[in-house]
C-alpha atoms as a PDB file:
ATOM      1  CA  MET A   1      28.985 145.461  85.528  1.00  0.00           C
ATOM      2  CA  ARG A   2      28.805 141.697  85.770  1.00  0.00           C
ATOM      3  CA  ARG A   3      32.499 141.581  86.489  1.00  0.00           C
ATOM      4  CA  TYR A   4      32.042 144.095  89.268  1.00  0.00           C
ATOM      5  CA  LEU A   5      29.182 142.128  90.826  1.00  0.00           C
ATOM      6  CA  ALA A   6      31.213 138.912  90.686  1.00  0.00           C
ATOM      7  CA  MET A   7      34.095 140.546  92.518  1.00  0.00           C
ATOM      8  CA  LYS A   8      31.690 141.927  95.133  1.00  0.00           C
ATOM      9  CA  ARG A   9      30.744 138.381  96.093  1.00  0.00           C
ATOM     10  CA  ILE A  10      34.273 137.682  97.339  1.00  0.00           C
ATOM     11  CA  SER A  11      34.415 138.138 101.127  1.00  0.00           C
ATOM     12  CA  LEU A  12      37.174 140.471 102.207  1.00  0.00           C
ATOM     13  CA  PRO A  13      39.184 139.911 105.428  1.00  0.00           C
ATOM     14  CA  TRP A  14      37.669 142.854 107.221  1.00  0.00           C
ATOM     15  CA  SER A  15      34.089 142.154 106.168  1.00  0.00           C
ATOM     16  CA  ARG A  16      31.827 140.705 108.869  1.00  0.00           C
ATOM     17  CA  THR A  17      30.181 137.392 108.080  1.00  0.00           C
ATOM     18  CA  VAL A  18      27.384 135.727 109.985  1.00  0.00           C
ATOM     19  CA  THR A  19      27.969 132.025 110.528  1.00  0.00           C
ATOM     20  CA  THR A  20      27.002 129.415 113.059  1.00  0.00           C
ATOM     21  CA  GLN A  21      30.404 127.743 113.034  1.00  0.00           C
ATOM     22  CA  ASN A  22      33.713 129.017 114.329  1.00  0.00           C
ATOM     23  CA  GLU A  23      35.897 129.983 111.384  1.00  0.00           C
ATOM     24  CA  THR A  24      38.720 131.688 113.255  1.00  0.00           C
ATOM     25  CA  SER A  25      41.239 128.860 112.794  1.00  0.00           C
ATOM     26  CA  PRO A  26      43.511 129.287 109.763  1.00  0.00           C
ATOM     27  CA  LEU A  27      44.225 125.546 109.730  1.00  0.00           C
ATOM     28  CA  ILE A  28      40.674 124.270 109.520  1.00  0.00           C
ATOM     29  CA  PRO A  29      38.297 125.873 107.018  1.00  0.00           C
ATOM     30  CA  LYS A  30      34.772 124.549 106.996  1.00  0.00           C
ATOM     31  CA  VAL A  31      33.456 122.366 104.176  1.00  0.00           C
ATOM     32  CA  GLY A  32      30.535 124.665 103.337  1.00  0.00           C
ATOM     33  CA  SER A  33      32.783 127.706 103.245  1.00  0.00           C
ATOM     34  CA  ALA A  34      35.352 125.889 101.105  1.00  0.00           C
ATOM     35  CA  LYS A  35      32.690 124.736  98.598  1.00  0.00           C
ATOM     36  CA  LYS A  36      31.249 128.219  98.398  1.00  0.00           C
ATOM     37  CA  ASP A  37      34.650 129.759  97.857  1.00  0.00           C
ATOM     38  CA  GLY A  38      35.385 127.218  95.135  1.00  0.00           C
ATOM     39  CA  GLU A  39      32.166 128.058  93.311  1.00  0.00           C
ATOM     40  CA  GLU A  40      32.905 131.746  93.593  1.00  0.00           C
ATOM     41  CA  LEU A  41      36.386 131.229  92.222  1.00  0.00           C
ATOM     42  CA  SER A  42      35.010 129.283  89.252  1.00  0.00           C
ATOM     43  CA  HIS A  43      32.394 131.929  88.610  1.00  0.00           C
ATOM     44  CA  VAL A  44      34.883 134.758  88.792  1.00  0.00           C
ATOM     45  CA  SER A  45      37.516 132.932  86.738  1.00  0.00           C
ATOM     46  CA  GLY A  46      34.921 132.389  83.977  1.00  0.00           C
ATOM     47  CA  HIS A  47      34.547 136.137  83.615  1.00  0.00           C
ATOM     48  CA  ASN A  48      38.228 136.908  84.206  1.00  0.00           C
ATOM     49  CA  SER A  49      40.097 134.361  82.162  1.00  0.00           C
ATOM     50  CA  GLY A  50      42.912 136.779  81.497  1.00  0.00           C
ATOM     51  CA  GLN A  51      43.528 137.647  85.177  1.00  0.00           C
ATOM     52  CA  ASP A  52      46.301 135.984  87.159  1.00  0.00           C
ATOM     53  CA  ASN A  53      44.906 133.458  89.646  1.00  0.00           C
ATOM     54  CA  ASN A  54      47.846 134.059  91.977  1.00  0.00           C
ATOM     55  CA  SER A  55      46.731 137.614  92.698  1.00  0.00           C
ATOM     56  CA  PRO A  56      46.222 138.592  96.383  1.00  0.00           C
ATOM     57  CA  VAL A  57      42.449 138.598  95.982  1.00  0.00           C
ATOM     58  CA  PHE A  58      42.364 134.964  94.876  1.00  0.00           C
ATOM     59  CA  THR A  59      44.965 133.933  97.439  1.00  0.00           C
ATOM     60  CA  ARG A  60      42.785 135.167 100.293  1.00  0.00           C
ATOM     61  CA  VAL A  61      39.849 132.924  99.465  1.00  0.00           C
ATOM     62  CA  ARG A  62      41.849 129.785  98.663  1.00  0.00           C
ATOM     63  CA  PRO A  63      40.877 127.280 101.446  1.00  0.00           C
ATOM     64  CA  HIS A  64      43.556 125.620 103.598  1.00  0.00           C
ATOM     65  CA  TYR A  65      42.942 121.916 104.171  1.00  0.00           C
ATOM     66  CA  ARG A  66      46.188 120.654 105.685  1.00  0.00           C
ATOM     67  CA  TYR A  67      48.209 120.924 108.864  1.00  0.00           C
ATOM     68  CA  SER A  68      50.981 123.472 108.916  1.00  0.00           C
ATOM     69  CA  MET A  69      54.629 122.415 108.786  1.00  0.00           C
ATOM     70  CA  MET A  70      54.961 123.371 112.436  1.00  0.00           C
ATOM     71  CA  ASP A  71      52.141 120.983 113.355  1.00  0.00           C
ATOM     72  CA  TYR A  72      53.853 118.134 111.525  1.00  0.00           C
ATOM     73  CA  PHE A  73      57.173 119.004 113.174  1.00  0.00           C
ATOM     74  CA  LEU A  74      55.646 119.058 116.666  1.00  0.00           C
ATOM     75  CA  LYS A  75      53.815 115.791 116.019  1.00  0.00           C
ATOM     76  CA  TYR A  76      56.887 113.802 115.015  1.00  0.00           C
ATOM     77  CA  PHE A  77      59.150 115.575 117.480  1.00  0.00           C
ATOM     78  CA  LEU A  78      56.828 114.557 120.312  1.00  0.00           C
ATOM     79  CA  PHE A  79      56.611 111.032 118.884  1.00  0.00           C
ATOM     80  CA  LEU A  80      60.406 110.577 118.634  1.00  0.00           C
ATOM     81  CA  CYS A  81      61.109 112.025 122.073  1.00  0.00           C
ATOM     82  CA  ASN A  82      58.521 109.792 123.722  1.00  0.00           C
ATOM     83  CA  LEU A  83      59.791 106.799 121.768  1.00  0.00           C
ATOM     84  CA  MET A  84      63.310 107.422 123.041  1.00  0.00           C
ATOM     85  CA  PHE A  85      62.156 107.802 126.635  1.00  0.00           C
ATOM     86  CA  THR A  86      59.961 104.695 126.297  1.00  0.00           C
ATOM     87  CA  VAL A  87      63.030 102.644 125.386  1.00  0.00           C
ATOM     88  CA  LEU A  88      64.938 104.173 128.313  1.00  0.00           C
ATOM     89  CA  ALA A  89      62.059 103.417 130.687  1.00  0.00           C
ATOM     90  CA  LEU A  90      61.924  99.808 129.502  1.00  0.00           C
ATOM     91  CA  VAL A  91      65.660  99.475 130.197  1.00  0.00           C
ATOM     92  CA  ILE A  92      65.158 100.843 133.728  1.00  0.00           C
ATOM     93  CA  LEU A  93      62.220  98.480 134.268  1.00  0.00           C
ATOM     94  CA  GLY A  94      64.262  95.536 132.977  1.00  0.00           C
ATOM     95  CA  LEU A  95      67.194  96.335 135.285  1.00  0.00           C
ATOM     96  CA  GLY A  96      64.874  96.559 138.267  1.00  0.00           C
ATOM     97  CA  MET A  97      63.175  93.258 137.507  1.00  0.00           C
ATOM     98  CA  TRP A  98      66.532  91.588 136.838  1.00  0.00           C
ATOM     99  CA  GLY A  99      67.804  92.792 140.218  1.00  0.00           C
ATOM    100  CA  LEU A 100      64.753  91.497 142.068  1.00  0.00           C
ATOM    101  CA  ILE A 101      64.817  88.121 140.325  1.00  0.00           C
ATOM    102  CA  SER A 102      68.580  87.607 140.658  1.00  0.00           C
ATOM    103  CA  LYS A 103      68.399  88.235 144.410  1.00  0.00           C
ATOM    104  CA  GLU A 104      65.298  86.025 144.754  1.00  0.00           C
ATOM    105  CA  SER A 105      63.439  88.887 146.400  1.00  0.00           C
ATOM    106  CA  PHE A 106      60.103  87.226 145.649  1.00  0.00           C
ATOM    107  CA  ALA A 107      61.002  84.178 147.735  1.00  0.00           C
ATOM    108  CA  GLN A 108      58.763  83.522 150.712  1.00  0.00           C
ATOM    109  CA  GLU A 109      61.487  84.256 153.271  1.00  0.00           C
ATOM    110  CA  LYS A 110      62.425  87.583 151.608  1.00  0.00           C
ATOM    111  CA  ILE A 111      59.079  88.901 150.454  1.00  0.00           C
ATOM    112  CA  GLY A 112      58.537  90.688 153.779  1.00  0.00           C
ATOM    113  CA  SER A 113      61.535  92.993 153.259  1.00  0.00           C
ATOM    114  CA  ILE A 114      60.953  93.715 149.564  1.00  0.00           C
ATOM    115  CA  GLY A 115      59.602  97.169 150.425  1.00  0.00           C
ATOM    116  CA  THR A 116      63.118  98.378 151.329  1.00  0.00           C
ATOM    117  CA  ASP A 117      64.761  96.884 148.259  1.00  0.00           C
ATOM    118  CA  PRO A 118      66.282  99.681 146.097  1.00  0.00           C
ATOM    119  CA  MET A 119      65.495  97.687 142.968  1.00  0.00           C
ATOM    120  CA  LEU A 120      61.822  98.321 143.711  1.00  0.00           C
ATOM    121  CA  ILE A 121      62.442 102.013 143.000  1.00  0.00           C
ATOM    122  CA  LEU A 122      63.729 101.167 139.532  1.00  0.00           C
ATOM    123  CA  VAL A 123      60.718  98.933 138.862  1.00  0.00           C
ATOM    124  CA  ALA A 124      58.244 101.617 139.948  1.00  0.00           C
ATOM    125  CA  MET A 125      60.033 104.373 138.031  1.00  0.00           C
ATOM    126  CA  GLY A 126      60.364 102.228 134.917  1.00  0.00           C
ATOM    127  CA  SER A 127      56.691 101.213 134.990  1.00  0.00           C
ATOM    128  CA  VAL A 128      55.400 104.777 135.381  1.00  0.00           C
ATOM    129  CA  LEU A 129      57.711 106.187 132.709  1.00  0.00           C
ATOM    130  CA  THR A 130      56.886 103.359 130.292  1.00  0.00           C
ATOM    131  CA  MET A 131      53.126 103.925 130.521  1.00  0.00           C
ATOM    132  CA  LEU A 132      53.489 107.687 130.403  1.00  0.00           C
ATOM    133  CA  CYS A 133      55.890 107.855 127.435  1.00  0.00           C
ATOM    134  CA  LEU A 134      54.051 105.107 125.556  1.00  0.00           C
ATOM    135  CA  SER A 135      50.775 107.026 125.811  1.00  0.00           C
ATOM    136  CA  GLY A 136      52.478 110.160 124.483  1.00  0.00           C
ATOM    137  CA  CYS A 137      54.214 108.213 121.717  1.00  0.00           C
ATOM    138  CA  VAL A 138      51.088 106.403 120.461  1.00  0.00           C
ATOM    139  CA  GLY A 139      48.901 109.451 121.025  1.00  0.00           C
ATOM    140  CA  ALA A 140      51.122 111.671 118.883  1.00  0.00           C
ATOM    141  CA  LEU A 141      51.563 109.115 116.111  1.00  0.00           C
ATOM    142  CA  ARG A 142      47.887 108.086 115.897  1.00  0.00           C
ATOM    143  CA  GLU A 143      46.563 111.563 116.736  1.00  0.00           C
ATOM    144  CA  ASN A 144      44.584 110.054 119.621  1.00  0.00           C
ATOM    145  CA  CYS A 145      43.098 112.861 121.696  1.00  0.00           C
ATOM    146  CA  PHE A 146      42.384 110.625 124.710  1.00  0.00           C
ATOM    147  CA  LEU A 147      45.992 109.435 125.004  1.00  0.00           C
ATOM    148  CA  LEU A 148      47.355 112.929 124.483  1.00  0.00           C
ATOM    149  CA  LYS A 149      45.020 114.322 127.153  1.00  0.00           C
ATOM    150  CA  LEU A 150      46.086 111.530 129.516  1.00  0.00           C
ATOM    151  CA  PHE A 151      49.749 112.239 128.751  1.00  0.00           C
ATOM    152  CA  SER A 152      49.422 115.989 129.314  1.00  0.00           C
ATOM    153  CA  ALA A 153      47.423 115.473 132.519  1.00  0.00           C
ATOM    154  CA  VAL A 154      50.065 113.150 133.995  1.00  0.00           C
ATOM    155  CA  VAL A 155      52.882 115.509 132.979  1.00  0.00           C
ATOM    156  CA  LEU A 156      51.022 118.379 134.649  1.00  0.00           C
ATOM    157  CA  VAL A 157      50.625 116.309 137.808  1.00  0.00           C
ATOM    158  CA  LEU A 158      54.352 115.457 137.773  1.00  0.00           C
ATOM    159  CA  ILE A 159      55.319 119.121 137.344  1.00  0.00           C
ATOM    160  CA  THR A 160      53.061 120.119 140.239  1.00  0.00           C
ATOM    161  CA  ALA A 161      54.405 117.311 142.443  1.00  0.00           C
ATOM    162  CA  GLN A 162      58.026 118.252 141.723  1.00  0.00           C
ATOM    163  CA  VAL A 163      57.424 121.925 142.513  1.00  0.00           C
ATOM    164  CA  LEU A 164      55.670 121.018 145.759  1.00  0.00           C
ATOM    165  CA  ALA A 165      58.443 118.538 146.647  1.00  0.00           C
ATOM    166  CA  ALA A 166      61.107 121.215 146.071  1.00  0.00           C
ATOM    167  CA  ILE A 167      59.243 123.678 148.283  1.00  0.00           C
ATOM    168  CA  LEU A 168      58.734 121.039 150.969  1.00  0.00           C
ATOM    169  CA  ALA A 169      62.379 119.975 150.843  1.00  0.00           C
ATOM    170  CA  TYR A 170      63.556 123.547 151.234  1.00  0.00           C
ATOM    171  CA  SER A 171      61.242 124.231 154.182  1.00  0.00           C
ATOM    172  CA  GLU A 172      61.864 120.889 155.956  1.00  0.00           C
ATOM    173  CA  GLN A 173      65.626 120.508 155.653  1.00  0.00           C
ATOM    174  CA  ASP A 174      66.073 119.280 159.238  1.00  0.00           C
ATOM    175  CA  GLN A 175      63.405 116.607 158.795  1.00  0.00           C
ATOM    176  CA  ILE A 176      65.057 115.418 155.574  1.00  0.00           C
ATOM    177  CA  GLY A 177      68.314 115.031 157.491  1.00  0.00           C
ATOM    178  CA  SER A 178      66.606 112.693 159.949  1.00  0.00           C
ATOM    179  CA  TYR A 179      65.142 110.667 157.059  1.00  0.00           C
ATOM    180  CA  LEU A 180      68.604 110.334 155.522  1.00  0.00           C
ATOM    181  CA  ARG A 181      70.022 109.183 158.838  1.00  0.00           C
ATOM    182  CA  SER A 182      67.293 106.560 159.229  1.00  0.00           C
ATOM    183  CA  GLY A 183      67.865 105.331 155.695  1.00  0.00           C
ATOM    184  CA  MET A 184      71.632 105.155 156.175  1.00  0.00           C
ATOM    185  CA  LEU A 185      71.278 103.191 159.397  1.00  0.00           C
ATOM    186  CA  ALA A 186      68.786 100.806 157.745  1.00  0.00           C
ATOM    187  CA  ALA A 187      71.259 100.192 154.920  1.00  0.00           C
ATOM    188  CA  MET A 188      74.014  99.504 157.444  1.00  0.00           C
ATOM    189  CA  VAL A 189      71.840  96.959 159.260  1.00  0.00           C
ATOM    190  CA  ARG A 190      71.307  94.987 156.023  1.00  0.00           C
ATOM    191  CA  TYR A 191      74.815  95.591 154.690  1.00  0.00           C
ATOM    192  CA  GLN A 192      75.769  91.909 154.503  1.00  0.00           C
ATOM    193  CA  ASP A 193      72.351  90.659 153.415  1.00  0.00           C
ATOM    194  CA  ASP A 194      71.469  92.977 150.509  1.00  0.00           C
ATOM    195  CA  LEU A 195      74.012  93.372 147.708  1.00  0.00           C
ATOM    196  CA  ASP A 196      72.371  96.527 146.374  1.00  0.00           C
ATOM    197  CA  LEU A 197      72.390  98.285 149.743  1.00  0.00           C
ATOM    198  CA  ARG A 198      75.970  97.136 150.219  1.00  0.00           C
ATOM    199  CA  PHE A 199      76.977  98.598 146.851  1.00  0.00           C
ATOM    200  CA  ILE A 200      75.275 101.940 147.592  1.00  0.00           C
ATOM    201  CA  THR A 201      76.832 102.170 151.049  1.00  0.00           C
ATOM    202  CA  ASP A 202      80.305 101.338 149.745  1.00  0.00           C
ATOM    203  CA  GLU A 203      80.008 103.943 146.987  1.00  0.00           C
ATOM    204  CA  ILE A 204      78.974 106.641 149.456  1.00  0.00           C
ATOM    205  CA  GLN A 205      81.732 105.818 151.941  1.00  0.00           C
ATOM    206  CA  SER A 206      84.522 105.534 149.357  1.00  0.00           C
ATOM    207  CA  ASN A 207      83.562 108.625 147.321  1.00  0.00           C
ATOM    208  CA  LEU A 208      82.784 110.897 150.285  1.00  0.00           C
ATOM    209  CA  GLN A 209      85.586 109.427 152.429  1.00  0.00           C
ATOM    210  CA  CYS A 210      83.354 108.800 155.404  1.00  0.00           C
ATOM    211  CA  CYS A 211      82.369 105.917 157.674  1.00  0.00           C
ATOM    212  CA  GLY A 212      78.960 105.235 159.200  1.00  0.00           C
ATOM    213  CA  ALA A 213      76.085 107.686 159.544  1.00  0.00           C
ATOM    214  CA  ASP A 214      77.450 110.001 162.275  1.00  0.00           C
ATOM    215  CA  ASP A 215      80.831 108.339 162.915  1.00  0.00           C
ATOM    216  CA  TYR A 216      82.612 105.007 162.459  1.00  0.00           C
ATOM    217  CA  ARG A 217      81.166 103.529 165.662  1.00  0.00           C
ATOM    218  CA  ASP A 218      77.715 103.428 164.047  1.00  0.00           C
ATOM    219  CA  TRP A 219      78.747 100.109 162.475  1.00  0.00           C
ATOM    220  CA  GLU A 220      78.080  98.457 165.808  1.00  0.00           C
ATOM    221  CA  ILE A 221      74.430  98.420 164.705  1.00  0.00           C
ATOM    222  CA  ASN A 222      75.244  95.662 162.222  1.00  0.00           C
ATOM    223  CA  ILE A 223      75.075  92.152 163.685  1.00  0.00           C
ATOM    224  CA  TYR A 224      78.313  91.100 161.954  1.00  0.00           C
ATOM    225  CA  TYR A 225      80.342  94.167 163.014  1.00  0.00           C
ATOM    226  CA  ASN A 226      78.913  94.316 166.512  1.00  0.00           C
ATOM    227  CA  CYS A 227      81.539  93.664 169.188  1.00  0.00           C
ATOM    228  CA  SER A 228      79.422  90.828 170.601  1.00  0.00           C
ATOM    229  CA  ALA A 229      79.412  88.995 167.250  1.00  0.00           C
ATOM    230  CA  PRO A 230      81.309  85.673 167.183  1.00  0.00           C
ATOM    231  CA  GLY A 231      82.948  86.164 163.738  1.00  0.00           C
ATOM    232  CA  VAL A 232      86.185  87.837 162.665  1.00  0.00           C
ATOM    233  CA  LEU A 233      84.268  90.960 161.644  1.00  0.00           C
ATOM    234  CA  ALA A 234      83.392  91.789 165.256  1.00  0.00           C
ATOM    235  CA  CYS A 235      84.267  95.389 166.238  1.00  0.00           C
ATOM    236  CA  GLY A 236      85.326  96.080 162.674  1.00  0.00           C
ATOM    237  CA  VAL A 237      84.172  98.296 159.802  1.00  0.00           C
ATOM    238  CA  PRO A 238      83.905  97.677 156.045  1.00  0.00           C
ATOM    239  CA  ALA A 239      86.999  98.091 153.914  1.00  0.00           C
ATOM    240  CA  THR A 240      85.502 101.155 152.215  1.00  0.00           C
ATOM    241  CA  CYS A 241      85.988 102.993 155.522  1.00  0.00           C
ATOM    242  CA  CYS A 242      89.750 102.537 155.296  1.00  0.00           C
ATOM    243  CA  VAL A 243      92.053 105.413 154.390  1.00  0.00           C
ATOM    244  CA  ASP A 244      94.172 103.099 152.245  1.00  0.00           C
ATOM    245  CA  PRO A 245      92.239  99.903 151.424  1.00  0.00           C
ATOM    246  CA  LEU A 246      94.784  98.864 148.789  1.00  0.00           C
ATOM    247  CA  GLU A 247      97.669  96.787 150.129  1.00  0.00           C
ATOM    248  CA  ASN A 248     100.917  97.838 148.413  1.00  0.00           C
ATOM    249  CA  GLY A 249      98.763 100.073 146.187  1.00  0.00           C
ATOM    250  CA  THR A 250      97.444  97.229 144.054  1.00  0.00           C
ATOM    251  CA  VAL A 251      95.664  94.496 146.054  1.00  0.00           C
ATOM    252  CA  TRP A 252      92.345  95.203 147.776  1.00  0.00           C
ATOM    253  CA  ASN A 253      92.661  94.521 151.499  1.00  0.00           C
ATOM    254  CA  SER A 254      89.175  93.571 152.693  1.00  0.00           C
ATOM    255  CA  GLN A 255      90.391  93.147 156.290  1.00  0.00           C
ATOM    256  CA  CYS A 256      91.876  96.606 156.759  1.00  0.00           C
ATOM    257  CA  GLY A 257      88.964  97.673 159.002  1.00  0.00           C
ATOM    258  CA  LEU A 258      89.061  94.734 161.422  1.00  0.00           C
ATOM    259  CA  GLY A 259      89.010  95.832 165.073  1.00  0.00           C
ATOM    260  CA  ALA A 260      88.725  99.530 164.142  1.00  0.00           C
ATOM    261  CA  GLN A 261      85.957 100.171 166.679  1.00  0.00           C
ATOM    262  CA  LEU A 262      88.321  99.203 169.507  1.00  0.00           C
ATOM    263  CA  LEU A 263      90.779 101.964 168.549  1.00  0.00           C
ATOM    264  CA  ASP A 264      90.659 105.444 170.006  1.00  0.00           C
ATOM    265  CA  GLU A 265      90.072 108.314 167.584  1.00  0.00           C
ATOM    266  CA  PHE A 266      93.716 109.420 167.519  1.00  0.00           C
ATOM    267  CA  THR A 267      94.920 105.959 166.494  1.00  0.00           C
ATOM    268  CA  ALA A 268      91.934 105.177 164.269  1.00  0.00           C
ATOM    269  CA  GLN A 269      92.331 108.332 162.134  1.00  0.00           C
ATOM    270  CA  SER A 270      95.402 106.873 160.457  1.00  0.00           C
ATOM    271  CA  VAL A 271      93.500 103.692 159.544  1.00  0.00           C
ATOM    272  CA  ILE A 272      89.895 104.677 158.763  1.00  0.00           C
ATOM    273  CA  PHE A 273      87.800 107.751 158.109  1.00  0.00           C
ATOM    274  CA  LEU A 274      86.294 109.007 161.353  1.00  0.00           C
ATOM    275  CA  GLY A 275      83.591 111.333 160.046  1.00  0.00           C
ATOM    276  CA  GLY A 276      80.075 110.149 159.274  1.00  0.00           C
ATOM    277  CA  CYS A 277      78.516 110.202 155.816  1.00  0.00           C
ATOM    278  CA  LEU A 278      75.629 112.514 156.731  1.00  0.00           C
ATOM    279  CA  GLY A 279      78.046 115.383 157.098  1.00  0.00           C
ATOM    280  CA  GLY A 280      79.760 114.362 153.863  1.00  0.00           C
ATOM    281  CA  ILE A 281      76.447 114.367 152.010  1.00  0.00           C
ATOM    282  CA  SER A 282      75.606 117.837 153.364  1.00  0.00           C
ATOM    283  CA  ARG A 283      78.992 119.190 152.267  1.00  0.00           C
ATOM    284  CA  TRP A 284      78.619 117.597 148.823  1.00  0.00           C
ATOM    285  CA  ILE A 285      75.198 119.221 148.348  1.00  0.00           C
ATOM    286  CA  GLU A 286      76.563 122.625 149.372  1.00  0.00           C
ATOM    287  CA  GLN A 287      79.491 122.316 146.969  1.00  0.00           C
ATOM    288  CA  HIS A 288      77.282 121.271 144.029  1.00  0.00           C
ATOM    289  CA  GLU A 289      74.253 123.371 144.865  1.00  0.00           C
ATOM    290  CA  SER A 290      74.428 125.441 141.653  1.00  0.00           C
ATOM    291  CA  VAL A 291      74.690 122.301 139.489  1.00  0.00           C
ATOM    292  CA  ILE A 292      71.744 120.671 141.267  1.00  0.00           C
ATOM    293  CA  VAL A 293      69.569 123.783 140.829  1.00  0.00           C
ATOM    294  CA  THR A 294      70.529 124.066 137.144  1.00  0.00           C
ATOM    295  CA  VAL A 295      69.698 120.430 136.426  1.00  0.00           C
ATOM    296  CA  ALA A 296      66.379 120.742 138.274  1.00  0.00           C
ATOM    297  CA  ILE A 297      65.432 123.849 136.280  1.00  0.00           C
ATOM    298  CA  VAL A 298      66.362 122.184 132.971  1.00  0.00           C
ATOM    299  CA  VAL A 299      64.352 119.059 133.773  1.00  0.00           C
ATOM    300  CA  LEU A 300      61.358 121.138 134.838  1.00  0.00           C
ATOM    301  CA  GLY A 301      61.667 123.297 131.722  1.00  0.00           C
ATOM    302  CA  VAL A 302      61.723 120.239 129.443  1.00  0.00           C
ATOM    303  CA  GLN A 303      58.534 118.962 131.052  1.00  0.00           C
ATOM    304  CA  ILE A 304      56.811 122.349 130.688  1.00  0.00           C
ATOM    305  CA  LEU A 305      57.892 122.521 127.026  1.00  0.00           C
ATOM    306  CA  THR A 306      56.541 119.008 126.467  1.00  0.00           C
ATOM    307  CA  LEU A 307      53.223 120.044 128.001  1.00  0.00           C
ATOM    308  CA  LEU A 308      53.001 123.114 125.726  1.00  0.00           C
ATOM    309  CA  ILE A 309      53.830 121.054 122.613  1.00  0.00           C
ATOM    310  CA  THR A 310      51.206 118.470 123.531  1.00  0.00           C
ATOM    311  CA  THR A 311      48.595 121.176 124.110  1.00  0.00           C
ATOM    312  CA  ARG A 312      49.338 122.796 120.739  1.00  0.00           C
ATOM    313  CA  LEU A 313      49.227 119.445 118.911  1.00  0.00           C
ATOM    314  CA  LEU A 314      46.008 118.446 120.672  1.00  0.00           C
ATOM    315  CA  GLU A 315      44.357 121.709 119.652  1.00  0.00           C
ATOM    316  CA  SER A 316      45.364 121.227 116.007  1.00  0.00           C
ATOM    317  CA  ILE A 317      44.060 117.650 115.971  1.00  0.00           C
ATOM    318  CA  GLN A 318      40.729 118.680 117.463  1.00  0.00           C
ATOM    319  CA  TRP A 319      40.282 121.456 114.922  1.00  0.00           C
ATOM    320  CA  HIS A 320      41.145 119.068 112.112  1.00  0.00           C
ATOM    321  CA  LYS A 321      38.575 116.543 113.326  1.00  0.00           C
ATOM    322  CA  VAL A 322      35.926 119.278 113.469  1.00  0.00           C
ATOM    323  CA  TYR A 323      36.709 120.169 109.860  1.00  0.00           C
ATOM    324  CA  ILE A 324      36.426 116.531 108.719  1.00  0.00           C
ATOM    325  CA  GLN A 325      33.120 116.003 110.523  1.00  0.00           C
ATOM    326  CA  HIS A 326      31.612 119.107 108.929  1.00  0.00           C
END
């Protein structure tokens, strides 16, 4: 009879218990419940010394004090991923700062045009990514709820901003074309003065086999290639506009575009590319549309997965802290 009464004290899974605390989490049993279960186990084991303690009845009431293996995996996975991206963000930030310093962009005579410097994009991107990834890295390692909440909130904002930007870009394609044209013309104006803009413009023209924004005569907007300029570059175009900029196939001919604006289109087509780069960019986007969409979906999916992992880890940490406090 005593053995029967002792077994009756063990709470079964389907039995309803009245408690003031939430005991639904399998990861975080409460201290009072754990102590009670331990006393019950001792009491029952004293009357059932010959019974196997690994039986299902005893397994059900054994309290669980630790994180699951999945929680540990998510914690260190989030930590390592954020650590890797923190290093990458610091490299981007360092490259941006090196570019600004090497060009003396902070000098008094150049500080007014620093807003159009492409290196500023690297600095801003590197700074944001460094703070974001560092908060996720430290938050995961130290189990800091504030940093993890900050990290998840910023990631959620970034996901929302990217979705809205994609929708806006799709609905305002004509307006984006005008922005690209303005940016291309601005880069052409500062072609000789900014090495970064010069590099970007040369890469676009040589890879897309184009010249200027709409056509090769757009280079008249540059003060050095304008026909009224006093130098040898007057009425010319950069060498990256040339069909064959290599003299004898080996030596770079930087003067192959001199006087190209004075030529008619029939004569100029054998020397330089006539088409503008805006059309080349549009054709390139159409040809690689599937790749662009795939990359965008993968990047968005990684961010959503990171947000879900952070939410799961944050929930486990909060439950664990509740268990410790009680």
